[in-house]
Amino acid sequence: MKQSIEEQLVEIKRRLRVYRCNQEYSTLSGESVIVVDDGIAAGYTMIAATRFLREIDAGRIIVAVPTCHTESAYRVAREVSEVYCLNPRSGPVYAVADAYIEWRDLEDADVLEVLREAKNTGLLAYRADCI
């Protein structure tokens, strides 16, 4: 589990470099943060994300997802202030995609396109000259 979390933390930091144009992220100085994702399968990505937020001094961390594996939600709950999951599921095998009628993984290009749209409409919360 520890190795999986470390691998996910490396990937999170890579994505932040790409999506934030290599800009440093500032400290959150005790601010509350709501982390939203498409779901929680094993929970390692969410745990890595919340640990990263602790590294930059987040205060309360709240996780909100539409679907999750019950055991994984409990695993994540040990790391954060609150977890909200609208469609908890159990069973030996669980994939987030199973909860969706239509599903596809996003590539960096997909995310960058959404960020470009946000930048063009003034909704991007940071300066992103590379987007």
C-alpha atoms as a PDB file:
ATOM      1  CA  MET A   1       0.000   0.000   0.000  1.00  0.00           C
ATOM      2  CA  LYS A   2       2.773   2.442   0.918  1.00  0.00           C
ATOM      3  CA  GLN A   3       4.504   1.934  -2.446  1.00  0.00           C
ATOM      4  CA  SER A   4       1.231   2.491  -4.336  1.00  0.00           C
ATOM      5  CA  ILE A   5       0.613   5.727  -2.446  1.00  0.00           C
ATOM      6  CA  GLU A   6       4.165   6.926  -3.169  1.00  0.00           C
ATOM      7  CA  GLU A   7       3.744   6.130  -6.888  1.00  0.00           C
ATOM      8  CA  GLN A   8       0.481   8.072  -6.973  1.00  0.00           C
ATOM      9  CA  LEU A   9       2.102  11.023  -5.198  1.00  0.00           C
ATOM     10  CA  VAL A  10       4.793  11.148  -7.896  1.00  0.00           C
ATOM     11  CA  GLU A  11       2.062  11.135 -10.577  1.00  0.00           C
ATOM     12  CA  ILE A  12       0.090  13.866  -8.800  1.00  0.00           C
ATOM     13  CA  LYS A  13       3.171  16.088  -8.661  1.00  0.00           C
ATOM     14  CA  ARG A  14       3.858  15.396 -12.371  1.00  0.00           C
ATOM     15  CA  ARG A  15       0.331  16.398 -13.305  1.00  0.00           C
ATOM     16  CA  LEU A  16       0.537  19.557 -11.213  1.00  0.00           C
ATOM     17  CA  ARG A  17       3.740  20.546 -13.038  1.00  0.00           C
ATOM     18  CA  VAL A  18       2.033  20.008 -16.414  1.00  0.00           C
ATOM     19  CA  TYR A  19      -1.289  21.621 -15.520  1.00  0.00           C
ATOM     20  CA  ARG A  20       0.241  24.546 -13.629  1.00  0.00           C
ATOM     21  CA  CYS A  21       2.992  25.315 -16.178  1.00  0.00           C
ATOM     22  CA  ASN A  22       5.732  24.379 -13.678  1.00  0.00           C
ATOM     23  CA  GLN A  23       4.521  27.049 -11.237  1.00  0.00           C
ATOM     24  CA  GLU A  24       5.074  26.315  -7.592  1.00  0.00           C
ATOM     25  CA  TYR A  25       2.005  25.781  -5.483  1.00  0.00           C
ATOM     26  CA  SER A  26       1.710  28.004  -2.480  1.00  0.00           C
ATOM     27  CA  THR A  27       1.015  26.881   1.040  1.00  0.00           C
ATOM     28  CA  LEU A  28      -2.621  26.539   1.983  1.00  0.00           C
ATOM     29  CA  SER A  29      -1.928  27.897   5.486  1.00  0.00           C
ATOM     30  CA  GLY A  30      -4.632  25.947   7.266  1.00  0.00           C
ATOM     31  CA  GLU A  31      -7.296  26.531   4.598  1.00  0.00           C
ATOM     32  CA  SER A  32     -10.072  23.973   4.200  1.00  0.00           C
ATOM     33  CA  VAL A  33      -9.937  22.017   0.943  1.00  0.00           C
ATOM     34  CA  ILE A  34     -12.608  19.979  -0.809  1.00  0.00           C
ATOM     35  CA  VAL A  35     -11.157  17.256  -3.037  1.00  0.00           C
ATOM     36  CA  VAL A  36     -13.563  16.050  -5.717  1.00  0.00           C
ATOM     37  CA  ASP A  37     -12.891  13.030  -7.923  1.00  0.00           C
ATOM     38  CA  ASP A  38     -14.874  10.689 -10.155  1.00  0.00           C
ATOM     39  CA  GLY A  39     -14.713   7.961  -7.517  1.00  0.00           C
ATOM     40  CA  ILE A  40     -12.568   5.963  -5.114  1.00  0.00           C
ATOM     41  CA  ALA A  41     -11.520   2.435  -6.080  1.00  0.00           C
ATOM     42  CA  ALA A  42      -8.547   1.305  -3.969  1.00  0.00           C
ATOM     43  CA  GLY A  43      -8.126   4.773  -2.477  1.00  0.00           C
ATOM     44  CA  TYR A  44      -4.390   5.123  -3.074  1.00  0.00           C
ATOM     45  CA  THR A  45      -4.697   8.113  -5.407  1.00  0.00           C
ATOM     46  CA  MET A  46      -6.983   9.937  -2.988  1.00  0.00           C
ATOM     47  CA  ILE A  47      -4.704   9.189  -0.034  1.00  0.00           C
ATOM     48  CA  ALA A  48      -1.708  10.445  -2.022  1.00  0.00           C
ATOM     49  CA  ALA A  49      -3.609  13.619  -2.930  1.00  0.00           C
ATOM     50  CA  THR A  50      -4.573  14.281   0.672  1.00  0.00           C
ATOM     51  CA  ARG A  51      -1.010  13.685   1.873  1.00  0.00           C
ATOM     52  CA  PHE A  52       0.225  16.153  -0.720  1.00  0.00           C
ATOM     53  CA  LEU A  53      -2.301  18.684   0.585  1.00  0.00           C
ATOM     54  CA  ARG A  54      -0.934  18.124   4.098  1.00  0.00           C
ATOM     55  CA  GLU A  55       2.581  18.812   2.726  1.00  0.00           C
ATOM     56  CA  ILE A  56       1.422  22.260   1.648  1.00  0.00           C
ATOM     57  CA  ASP A  57      -0.276  22.883   4.997  1.00  0.00           C
ATOM     58  CA  ALA A  58      -3.962  22.309   4.235  1.00  0.00           C
ATOM     59  CA  GLY A  59      -6.332  22.492   7.180  1.00  0.00           C
ATOM     60  CA  ARG A  60      -9.550  20.477   6.984  1.00  0.00           C
ATOM     61  CA  ILE A  61      -9.636  18.135   4.019  1.00  0.00           C
ATOM     62  CA  ILE A  62     -13.036  17.011   2.786  1.00  0.00           C
ATOM     63  CA  VAL A  63     -13.404  14.356   0.081  1.00  0.00           C
ATOM     64  CA  ALA A  64     -16.493  14.236  -2.141  1.00  0.00           C
ATOM     65  CA  VAL A  65     -17.069  11.525  -4.743  1.00  0.00           C
ATOM     66  CA  PRO A  66     -20.106  10.167  -6.554  1.00  0.00           C
ATOM     67  CA  THR A  67     -19.082   6.525  -6.071  1.00  0.00           C
ATOM     68  CA  CYS A  68     -16.639   4.516  -3.987  1.00  0.00           C
ATOM     69  CA  HIS A  69     -15.753   1.108  -2.656  1.00  0.00           C
ATOM     70  CA  THR A  70     -16.912   1.003   0.957  1.00  0.00           C
ATOM     71  CA  GLU A  71     -13.643  -0.339   2.406  1.00  0.00           C
ATOM     72  CA  SER A  72     -11.610   2.202   0.452  1.00  0.00           C
ATOM     73  CA  ALA A  73     -13.813   5.033   1.701  1.00  0.00           C
ATOM     74  CA  TYR A  74     -13.048   3.948   5.268  1.00  0.00           C
ATOM     75  CA  ARG A  75      -9.331   3.834   4.396  1.00  0.00           C
ATOM     76  CA  VAL A  76      -9.489   7.392   3.038  1.00  0.00           C
ATOM     77  CA  ALA A  77     -11.603   8.563   5.996  1.00  0.00           C
ATOM     78  CA  ARG A  78      -8.674   7.834   8.337  1.00  0.00           C
ATOM     79  CA  GLU A  79      -6.654  10.454   6.430  1.00  0.00           C
ATOM     80  CA  VAL A  80      -9.186  13.305   6.143  1.00  0.00           C
ATOM     81  CA  SER A  81     -11.796  15.273   8.069  1.00  0.00           C
ATOM     82  CA  GLU A  82     -14.841  14.030   6.136  1.00  0.00           C
ATOM     83  CA  VAL A  83     -15.733  11.745   3.216  1.00  0.00           C
ATOM     84  CA  TYR A  84     -18.936  12.030   1.211  1.00  0.00           C
ATOM     85  CA  CYS A  85     -19.806   9.233  -1.210  1.00  0.00           C
ATOM     86  CA  LEU A  86     -23.250   9.159  -2.805  1.00  0.00           C
ATOM     87  CA  ASN A  87     -23.050   5.621  -4.213  1.00  0.00           C
ATOM     88  CA  PRO A  88     -20.983   3.335  -1.959  1.00  0.00           C
ATOM     89  CA  ARG A  89     -20.461  -0.174  -3.297  1.00  0.00           C
ATOM     90  CA  SER A  90     -18.945  -3.317  -1.868  1.00  0.00           C
ATOM     91  CA  GLY A  91     -17.739  -6.625  -3.201  1.00  0.00           C
ATOM     92  CA  PRO A  92     -14.463  -8.306  -4.017  1.00  0.00           C
ATOM     93  CA  VAL A  93     -13.929  -6.412  -7.298  1.00  0.00           C
ATOM     94  CA  TYR A  94     -14.740  -2.745  -7.842  1.00  0.00           C
ATOM     95  CA  ALA A  95     -13.846  -0.292 -10.585  1.00  0.00           C
ATOM     96  CA  VAL A  96     -15.045   3.301 -10.595  1.00  0.00           C
ATOM     97  CA  ALA A  97     -15.964   2.932 -14.280  1.00  0.00           C
ATOM     98  CA  ASP A  98     -18.568   0.305 -13.326  1.00  0.00           C
ATOM     99  CA  ALA A  99     -20.702   3.031 -11.738  1.00  0.00           C
ATOM    100  CA  TYR A 100     -20.910   5.027 -14.973  1.00  0.00           C
ATOM    101  CA  ILE A 101     -22.944   4.478 -18.129  1.00  0.00           C
ATOM    102  CA  GLU A 102     -20.250   6.185 -20.187  1.00  0.00           C
ATOM    103  CA  TRP A 103     -16.597   6.245 -19.085  1.00  0.00           C
ATOM    104  CA  ARG A 104     -13.172   7.097 -20.452  1.00  0.00           C
ATOM    105  CA  ASP A 105      -9.883   7.973 -18.838  1.00  0.00           C
ATOM    106  CA  LEU A 106      -8.698  11.522 -19.439  1.00  0.00           C
ATOM    107  CA  GLU A 107      -5.342  12.251 -21.024  1.00  0.00           C
ATOM    108  CA  ASP A 108      -3.250  15.327 -20.202  1.00  0.00           C
ATOM    109  CA  ALA A 109      -4.453  16.924 -23.463  1.00  0.00           C
ATOM    110  CA  ASP A 110      -8.087  16.607 -22.314  1.00  0.00           C
ATOM    111  CA  VAL A 111      -7.352  18.328 -19.012  1.00  0.00           C
ATOM    112  CA  LEU A 112      -5.295  21.049 -20.681  1.00  0.00           C
ATOM    113  CA  GLU A 113      -8.186  21.780 -23.060  1.00  0.00           C
ATOM    114  CA  VAL A 114     -10.562  22.286 -20.121  1.00  0.00           C
ATOM    115  CA  LEU A 115      -7.972  24.522 -18.443  1.00  0.00           C
ATOM    116  CA  ARG A 116      -7.646  26.557 -21.676  1.00  0.00           C
ATOM    117  CA  GLU A 117     -11.407  27.067 -21.720  1.00  0.00           C
ATOM    118  CA  ALA A 118     -11.329  28.115 -18.054  1.00  0.00           C
ATOM    119  CA  LYS A 119      -8.479  30.527 -18.760  1.00  0.00           C
ATOM    120  CA  ASN A 120     -10.324  32.053 -21.724  1.00  0.00           C
ATOM    121  CA  THR A 121     -13.417  32.675 -19.596  1.00  0.00           C
ATOM    122  CA  GLY A 122     -11.480  34.062 -16.622  1.00  0.00           C
ATOM    123  CA  LEU A 123     -12.232  31.099 -14.354  1.00  0.00           C
ATOM    124  CA  LEU A 124      -8.672  29.861 -13.869  1.00  0.00           C
ATOM    125  CA  ALA A 125      -7.453  30.669 -10.359  1.00  0.00           C
ATOM    126  CA  TYR A 126      -3.745  30.883 -11.269  1.00  0.00           C
ATOM    127  CA  ARG A 127      -1.613  32.426 -13.996  1.00  0.00           C
ATOM    128  CA  ALA A 128      -0.988  29.857 -16.710  1.00  0.00           C
ATOM    129  CA  ASP A 129       0.938  31.334 -19.627  1.00  0.00           C
ATOM    130  CA  CYS A 130       1.768  27.925 -21.084  1.00  0.00           C
ATOM    131  CA  ILE A 131      -1.866  26.911 -21.535  1.00  0.00           C
END
